[in-house]
Amino acid sequence: MENLAIVDLGSNSARMAVTEISPDGKFREIKRVKENTRLSEGMGHEKILQPEAMERTIQAIKHFKRQYQGLPNLQVQAIATAAVRQAKNRQEFLQRVKQETGLTVRVLSGYKEAYYDYLGVVRTLKLNHCLILDVGGASCELVLVQHRKARDLISLPIGAVNLSEQYHLGGYVRSADLFKAQAAVCDRLNKIPWLRYATRMPIVLLGGANRTLARMSRSYRHKNRGSIHGYRLTSRVVYATYRELLSRNLAQRKKMPGLEPDRADIIIGGMLPLVTLLERNSDGRVIFSESGVREGIITEYIQQREKRSQNDEKQ
C-alpha cells in the first residue's frame, strides 16, 4: 500500500489530500485539509506575490506537513497554479518554500492544469461530450471534451480574486463596474475560436467558486449533506443565484446559506466566467465535479506506475 500526498497551492486556497493506493491501482482518499491562504491577493497588474500572502501559504504547508509526516510508503507531490505561475517573484517564493518546508513545488502550466482537470473529470463522470470550466482565484481553465477526448483546452488569466479586485466586485457592485467586468470576460471568450463547438453541451464545473454555487443551491433546497459530485443545475437557477448575490452588499452576502464568509467578496467575480458562458450556451445544464487537478495527478501517477511495472517485467 502506498500513500500519495498532494499539496496544491491554489490562488485562493491551499489544499492537501492524502490518497491510499493499493498494488492493483485502486485508490481512496483518506485525508483532506484546506486552508484559506488567498495567495493571489494584491498581486495587481505588477503580478507580485505579497509578503503576507506568501507567509500565510508557507504556514499552511507546514500545517499540511504535520498531517502527512510519518505515513508509511509516502510519496509527496507539491504543485502550484495560476498565482505562482503568473508571479514575477515566483522564484523567491519557491526558494522560501524549499528552505522553510523542504518541499520542491512544481508550477503547472495552464495547459497542464487544464489537462489534469480533464483527466479528473472523465475518470468519474460518464459524459461523452461536455465543456469543462475550472474557475480558480487567478485563472480559469476550459476544456472541450468530445467523445471523451480533450479536443481543445486553454487557461485564461482571469479568476475569482483578480476579477473581483480589478473591477471592484467585492462589496455592493455598481452597474458600471459589473458591465466592465462582463465585457472583459466576454472579450476573452470571444477570442477562443473552438468555443463555438461547445454551445450545445453541458458545462462541467470545477473550482472553489463553482463548488460554492453548488453548496448555496443545496442549502436553499435544505440538502446540506453529501457530495456535490454529479449535482446538476439549470441556467435559470444559476442566473437567479447570481441576481441574488448582486442585490446584496458584502455583509449581507456573508450571511447567505452555503456561502463561506471568506468567499463572499470574490463569489461574483468567481461566477462571471460561468454566467458569461451560459449566455452563449443553448444546452443550459451545469454539472458539478469534485474531481479535478488532484484526481488528474493521481490518475497520471497510477498510469506511470503501471508502465514502470510493465517495463520491469519485460526486462
Protein backbone atom coordinates (compact mmCIF):
# COMPACT_ATOMS: atom_id res chain seq x y z
CA MET A 1 0.00 0.00 0.00
CA GLU A 2 1.30 3.43 -0.98
CA ASN A 3 0.34 6.87 0.34
CA LEU A 4 0.38 9.79 -2.08
CA ALA A 5 0.13 13.25 -0.52
CA ILE A 6 -0.67 16.08 -2.91
CA VAL A 7 -0.12 19.65 -1.73
CA ASP A 8 -1.98 22.04 -4.03
CA LEU A 9 -1.11 25.75 -3.71
CA GLY A 10 -4.05 27.45 -5.38
CA SER A 11 -4.59 31.15 -5.90
CA ASN A 12 -7.31 31.41 -3.27
CA SER A 13 -6.80 28.37 -1.04
CA ALA A 14 -4.17 25.74 -0.33
CA ARG A 15 -5.24 22.11 -0.09
CA MET A 16 -3.67 18.83 0.93
CA ALA A 17 -5.09 15.41 0.13
CA VAL A 18 -3.66 12.03 1.05
CA THR A 19 -4.65 9.12 -1.18
CA GLU A 20 -4.07 5.47 -0.34
CA ILE A 21 -3.10 3.50 -3.48
CA SER A 22 -3.25 -0.30 -3.49
CA PRO A 23 -0.96 -2.50 -5.61
CA ASP A 24 -3.78 -3.18 -8.11
CA GLY A 25 -4.18 0.54 -8.83
CA LYS A 26 -7.34 1.14 -6.81
CA PHE A 27 -7.24 4.21 -4.59
CA ARG A 28 -9.21 6.06 -1.96
CA GLU A 29 -8.76 9.42 -0.30
CA ILE A 30 -8.08 9.11 3.42
CA LYS A 31 -7.46 12.75 4.39
CA ARG A 32 -8.26 16.19 3.00
CA VAL A 33 -7.33 19.55 4.54
CA LYS A 34 -7.92 23.09 3.27
CA GLU A 35 -6.53 26.47 4.33
CA ASN A 36 -7.78 29.82 3.02
CA THR A 37 -4.50 31.45 2.06
CA ARG A 38 -5.55 33.92 -0.71
CA LEU A 39 -2.10 33.67 -2.32
CA SER A 40 -3.07 35.88 -5.27
CA GLU A 41 -4.33 38.70 -3.04
CA GLY A 42 -2.94 42.10 -4.02
CA MET A 43 -0.88 40.85 -6.98
CA GLY A 44 -2.35 43.57 -9.19
CA HIS A 45 -1.08 44.38 -12.67
CA GLU A 46 2.50 44.04 -11.41
CA LYS A 47 1.92 40.32 -10.72
CA ILE A 48 3.92 40.35 -7.47
CA LEU A 49 3.15 37.88 -4.68
CA GLN A 50 2.66 39.86 -1.49
CA PRO A 51 4.66 39.07 1.71
CA GLU A 52 1.55 38.40 3.84
CA ALA A 53 0.08 36.04 1.25
CA MET A 54 3.35 34.13 0.91
CA GLU A 55 3.64 33.81 4.70
CA ARG A 56 0.06 32.50 5.03
CA THR A 57 0.76 29.89 2.36
CA ILE A 58 4.04 28.74 3.92
CA GLN A 59 2.34 28.36 7.31
CA ALA A 60 -0.38 26.27 5.63
CA ILE A 61 2.26 23.99 4.08
CA LYS A 62 3.86 23.47 7.50
CA HIS A 63 0.45 22.53 8.87
CA PHE A 64 -0.10 20.08 6.00
CA LYS A 65 3.31 18.53 6.56
CA ARG A 66 2.46 17.73 10.17
CA GLN A 67 -0.65 15.92 8.87
CA TYR A 68 1.12 13.54 6.49
CA GLN A 69 4.54 13.07 8.11
CA GLY A 70 5.05 9.56 9.41
CA LEU A 71 2.74 7.84 6.95
CA PRO A 72 4.25 4.61 5.54
CA ASN A 73 5.39 4.34 1.90
CA LEU A 74 4.84 8.06 1.45
CA GLN A 75 5.20 9.98 -1.79
CA VAL A 76 4.66 13.75 -1.78
CA GLN A 77 3.86 15.93 -4.78
CA ALA A 78 3.53 19.69 -4.38
CA ILE A 79 2.03 21.81 -7.14
CA ALA A 80 1.22 25.47 -7.66
CA THR A 81 -1.15 27.01 -10.16
CA ALA A 82 -2.01 30.44 -11.57
CA ALA A 83 -0.87 32.79 -8.80
CA VAL A 84 2.65 31.37 -8.73
CA ARG A 85 2.66 30.75 -12.48
CA GLN A 86 1.97 34.43 -13.17
CA ALA A 87 4.14 35.92 -10.40
CA LYS A 88 7.30 37.82 -11.32
CA ASN A 89 8.76 36.90 -7.92
CA ARG A 90 7.79 33.24 -8.09
CA GLN A 91 11.40 32.06 -7.77
CA GLU A 92 11.76 33.90 -4.47
CA PHE A 93 8.60 32.23 -3.20
CA LEU A 94 9.60 28.75 -4.39
CA GLN A 95 13.02 29.09 -2.73
CA ARG A 96 11.38 30.16 0.54
CA VAL A 97 9.05 27.16 0.42
CA LYS A 98 12.01 24.84 -0.19
CA GLN A 99 14.08 26.36 2.61
CA GLU A 100 11.30 26.54 5.21
CA THR A 101 9.34 23.36 4.46
CA GLY A 102 11.67 21.15 2.39
CA LEU A 103 9.11 20.85 -0.41
CA THR A 104 10.01 21.27 -4.06
CA VAL A 105 6.96 22.76 -5.77
CA ARG A 106 6.12 22.02 -9.39
CA VAL A 107 4.50 25.02 -11.09
CA LEU A 108 1.86 23.75 -13.51
CA SER A 109 1.49 25.41 -16.87
CA GLY A 110 -2.04 26.49 -17.76
CA TYR A 111 -2.14 23.70 -20.36
CA LYS A 112 -1.12 21.05 -17.81
CA GLU A 113 -3.63 22.31 -15.24
CA ALA A 114 -6.43 22.08 -17.80
CA TYR A 115 -5.27 18.60 -18.84
CA TYR A 116 -5.31 17.36 -15.24
CA ASP A 117 -8.85 18.77 -14.91
CA TYR A 118 -9.81 16.72 -17.96
CA LEU A 119 -8.27 13.52 -16.56
CA GLY A 120 -10.05 14.01 -13.24
CA VAL A 121 -13.45 14.63 -14.84
CA VAL A 122 -13.53 11.86 -17.45
CA ARG A 123 -12.49 9.30 -14.86
CA THR A 124 -15.56 9.93 -12.70
CA LEU A 125 -18.35 11.41 -14.88
CA LYS A 126 -19.90 9.38 -17.69
CA LEU A 127 -20.18 12.17 -20.26
CA ASN A 128 -19.16 11.77 -23.90
CA HIS A 129 -19.36 15.50 -24.71
CA CYS A 130 -19.01 18.48 -22.38
CA LEU A 131 -17.23 21.76 -21.73
CA ILE A 132 -15.15 21.74 -18.54
CA LEU A 133 -14.83 25.05 -16.68
CA ASP A 134 -12.48 25.33 -13.70
CA VAL A 135 -12.58 28.76 -12.03
CA GLY A 136 -9.76 29.39 -9.58
CA GLY A 137 -8.55 32.52 -7.84
CA ALA A 138 -6.34 33.85 -10.67
CA SER A 139 -7.21 31.76 -13.73
CA CYS A 140 -9.89 29.70 -15.36
CA GLU A 141 -9.35 26.59 -17.45
CA LEU A 142 -11.61 25.49 -20.30
CA VAL A 143 -11.56 22.04 -21.92
CA LEU A 144 -13.72 20.95 -24.86
CA VAL A 145 -14.43 17.22 -24.50
CA GLN A 146 -15.76 15.30 -27.49
CA HIS A 147 -16.15 11.51 -27.45
CA ARG A 148 -14.43 11.58 -24.03
CA LYS A 149 -11.26 13.06 -25.59
CA ALA A 150 -9.83 16.51 -24.88
CA ARG A 151 -10.23 18.19 -28.25
CA ASP A 152 -9.10 21.67 -27.18
CA LEU A 153 -8.05 23.29 -23.93
CA ILE A 154 -6.92 26.69 -22.69
CA SER A 155 -6.10 28.58 -19.50
CA LEU A 156 -7.13 32.23 -19.15
CA PRO A 157 -5.56 34.58 -16.57
CA ILE A 158 -8.92 35.58 -15.07
CA GLY A 159 -10.30 34.22 -11.83
CA ALA A 160 -12.38 34.94 -8.75
CA VAL A 161 -9.76 37.01 -6.90
CA ASN A 162 -8.22 39.06 -9.70
CA LEU A 163 -11.58 39.83 -11.36
CA SER A 164 -13.06 40.90 -8.01
CA GLU A 165 -10.09 43.12 -7.20
CA GLN A 166 -9.69 44.67 -10.65
CA TYR A 167 -13.39 45.51 -11.16
CA HIS A 168 -14.39 46.24 -7.54
CA LEU A 169 -16.84 43.36 -7.21
CA GLY A 170 -16.18 42.66 -3.53
CA GLY A 171 -18.80 44.87 -1.86
CA TYR A 172 -22.01 46.25 -3.27
CA VAL A 173 -21.45 46.08 -7.02
CA ARG A 174 -22.02 49.17 -9.15
CA SER A 175 -23.59 48.57 -12.56
CA ALA A 176 -20.70 50.33 -14.36
CA ASP A 177 -18.12 48.05 -12.71
CA LEU A 178 -20.17 44.94 -13.47
CA PHE A 179 -20.55 45.97 -17.11
CA LYS A 180 -16.78 46.47 -17.48
CA ALA A 181 -16.07 43.09 -15.88
CA GLN A 182 -18.61 41.26 -18.04
CA ALA A 183 -17.30 42.95 -21.19
CA ALA A 184 -13.72 41.94 -20.31
CA VAL A 185 -14.67 38.29 -19.71
CA CYS A 186 -16.80 38.21 -22.87
CA ASP A 187 -13.90 39.64 -24.89
CA ARG A 188 -11.61 36.88 -23.59
CA LEU A 189 -14.08 34.16 -24.52
CA ASN A 190 -14.78 35.62 -27.96
CA LYS A 191 -11.11 35.10 -28.83
CA ILE A 192 -11.39 31.30 -28.38
CA PRO A 193 -12.46 30.01 -31.82
CA TRP A 194 -13.30 26.46 -30.75
CA LEU A 195 -15.86 27.59 -28.15
CA ARG A 196 -18.45 27.68 -30.94
CA TYR A 197 -18.41 23.86 -30.83
CA ALA A 198 -19.40 23.90 -27.15
CA THR A 199 -22.74 25.73 -27.34
CA ARG A 200 -24.92 22.61 -27.21
CA MET A 201 -23.31 20.58 -24.48
CA PRO A 202 -23.41 20.67 -20.66
CA ILE A 203 -20.82 22.65 -18.71
CA VAL A 204 -18.92 20.66 -16.07
CA LEU A 205 -17.89 22.92 -13.20
CA LEU A 206 -14.78 22.72 -11.03
CA GLY A 207 -13.07 25.15 -8.68
CA GLY A 208 -13.91 26.87 -5.42
CA ALA A 209 -16.36 29.44 -6.78
CA ASN A 210 -18.34 26.78 -8.59
CA ARG A 211 -18.38 24.48 -5.56
CA THR A 212 -19.76 27.41 -3.57
CA LEU A 213 -22.58 27.81 -6.10
CA ALA A 214 -23.49 24.14 -5.64
CA ARG A 215 -23.46 24.43 -1.85
CA MET A 216 -25.67 27.53 -1.97
CA SER A 217 -28.18 25.71 -4.15
CA ARG A 218 -28.18 22.66 -1.87
CA SER A 219 -28.65 24.86 1.21
CA TYR A 220 -31.62 26.54 -0.45
CA ARG A 221 -33.12 23.09 -1.06
CA HIS A 222 -32.22 22.01 2.50
CA LYS A 223 -29.84 19.33 1.19
CA ASN A 224 -26.67 20.34 3.02
CA ARG A 225 -25.10 16.90 3.33
CA GLY A 226 -23.41 14.65 0.84
CA SER A 227 -21.11 15.10 -2.11
CA ILE A 228 -21.80 17.68 -4.81
CA HIS A 229 -20.16 15.40 -7.39
CA GLY A 230 -22.62 14.96 -10.25
CA TYR A 231 -25.02 17.57 -8.82
CA ARG A 232 -26.92 19.39 -11.58
CA LEU A 233 -28.46 22.83 -12.03
CA THR A 234 -30.17 24.68 -14.86
CA SER A 235 -29.05 28.05 -16.18
CA ARG A 236 -32.24 29.55 -14.73
CA VAL A 237 -31.14 28.63 -11.19
CA VAL A 238 -27.60 29.94 -11.81
CA TYR A 239 -28.95 33.29 -13.04
CA ALA A 240 -31.31 33.55 -10.06
CA THR A 241 -28.44 32.94 -7.62
CA TYR A 242 -26.27 35.47 -9.43
CA ARG A 243 -29.00 38.13 -9.28
CA GLU A 244 -29.49 37.48 -5.57
CA LEU A 245 -25.76 37.91 -4.91
CA LEU A 246 -25.69 41.16 -6.90
CA SER A 247 -28.61 42.57 -4.91
CA ARG A 248 -26.70 42.35 -1.62
CA ASN A 249 -23.74 44.10 -0.07
CA LEU A 250 -20.76 42.22 1.41
CA ALA A 251 -22.17 41.98 4.95
CA GLN A 252 -25.45 40.60 3.61
CA ARG A 253 -23.70 38.08 1.34
CA LYS A 254 -21.67 36.74 4.27
CA LYS A 255 -24.93 35.61 5.90
CA MET A 256 -26.24 33.70 2.87
CA PRO A 257 -26.61 29.94 3.49
CA GLY A 258 -23.98 27.81 1.77
CA LEU A 259 -21.63 30.75 1.11
CA GLU A 260 -18.46 30.70 3.20
CA PRO A 261 -17.97 34.21 4.65
CA ASP A 262 -14.37 34.39 3.40
CA ARG A 263 -15.60 33.80 -0.17
CA ALA A 264 -18.31 36.46 -0.06
CA ASP A 265 -16.03 39.15 -1.51
CA ILE A 266 -14.95 37.04 -4.52
CA ILE A 267 -18.06 34.99 -5.38
CA ILE A 268 -19.40 37.41 -8.01
CA GLY A 269 -16.06 37.53 -9.79
CA GLY A 270 -15.90 33.76 -9.46
CA MET A 271 -19.30 33.28 -11.12
CA LEU A 272 -18.65 35.69 -14.01
CA PRO A 273 -16.98 33.16 -16.36
CA LEU A 274 -19.86 30.70 -15.89
CA VAL A 275 -22.60 33.30 -16.35
CA THR A 276 -20.90 34.62 -19.49
CA LEU A 277 -20.56 31.10 -20.92
CA LEU A 278 -24.19 30.24 -20.16
CA GLU A 279 -25.35 33.27 -22.14
CA ARG A 280 -23.94 31.62 -25.28
CA ASN A 281 -24.89 28.05 -24.36
CA SER A 282 -28.19 26.59 -25.58
CA ASP A 283 -27.90 23.38 -23.51
CA GLY A 284 -28.38 25.21 -20.21
CA ARG A 285 -27.20 22.36 -17.94
CA VAL A 286 -24.36 22.63 -15.46
CA ILE A 287 -22.91 19.57 -13.72
CA PHE A 288 -20.58 19.81 -10.73
CA SER A 289 -17.43 17.73 -10.38
CA GLU A 290 -15.37 17.27 -7.24
CA SER A 291 -12.70 15.53 -9.32
CA GLY A 292 -10.18 17.87 -10.88
CA VAL A 293 -6.46 18.61 -10.85
CA ARG A 294 -5.56 16.44 -7.86
CA GLU A 295 -7.52 13.46 -9.20
CA GLY A 296 -5.88 14.01 -12.59
CA ILE A 297 -2.45 13.85 -10.95
CA ILE A 298 -3.41 10.61 -9.17
CA THR A 299 -4.62 9.11 -12.46
CA GLU A 300 -1.35 10.03 -14.19
CA TYR A 301 0.69 8.74 -11.23
CA ILE A 302 -1.01 5.33 -11.37
CA GLN A 303 -0.65 5.14 -15.16
CA GLN A 304 3.08 5.88 -14.89
CA ARG A 305 3.47 3.32 -12.11
CA GLU A 306 1.79 0.66 -14.27
CA LYS A 307 4.11 1.48 -17.19
CA ARG A 308 7.17 1.13 -14.96
CA SER A 309 5.87 -2.20 -13.71
CA GLN A 310 5.29 -3.46 -17.28
CA ASN A 311 8.78 -2.35 -18.33
CA ASP A 312 10.31 -4.15 -15.34
CA GLU A 313 8.51 -7.35 -16.33
CA LYS A 314 9.88 -7.15 -19.89
CA GLN A 315 13.47 -6.78 -18.69
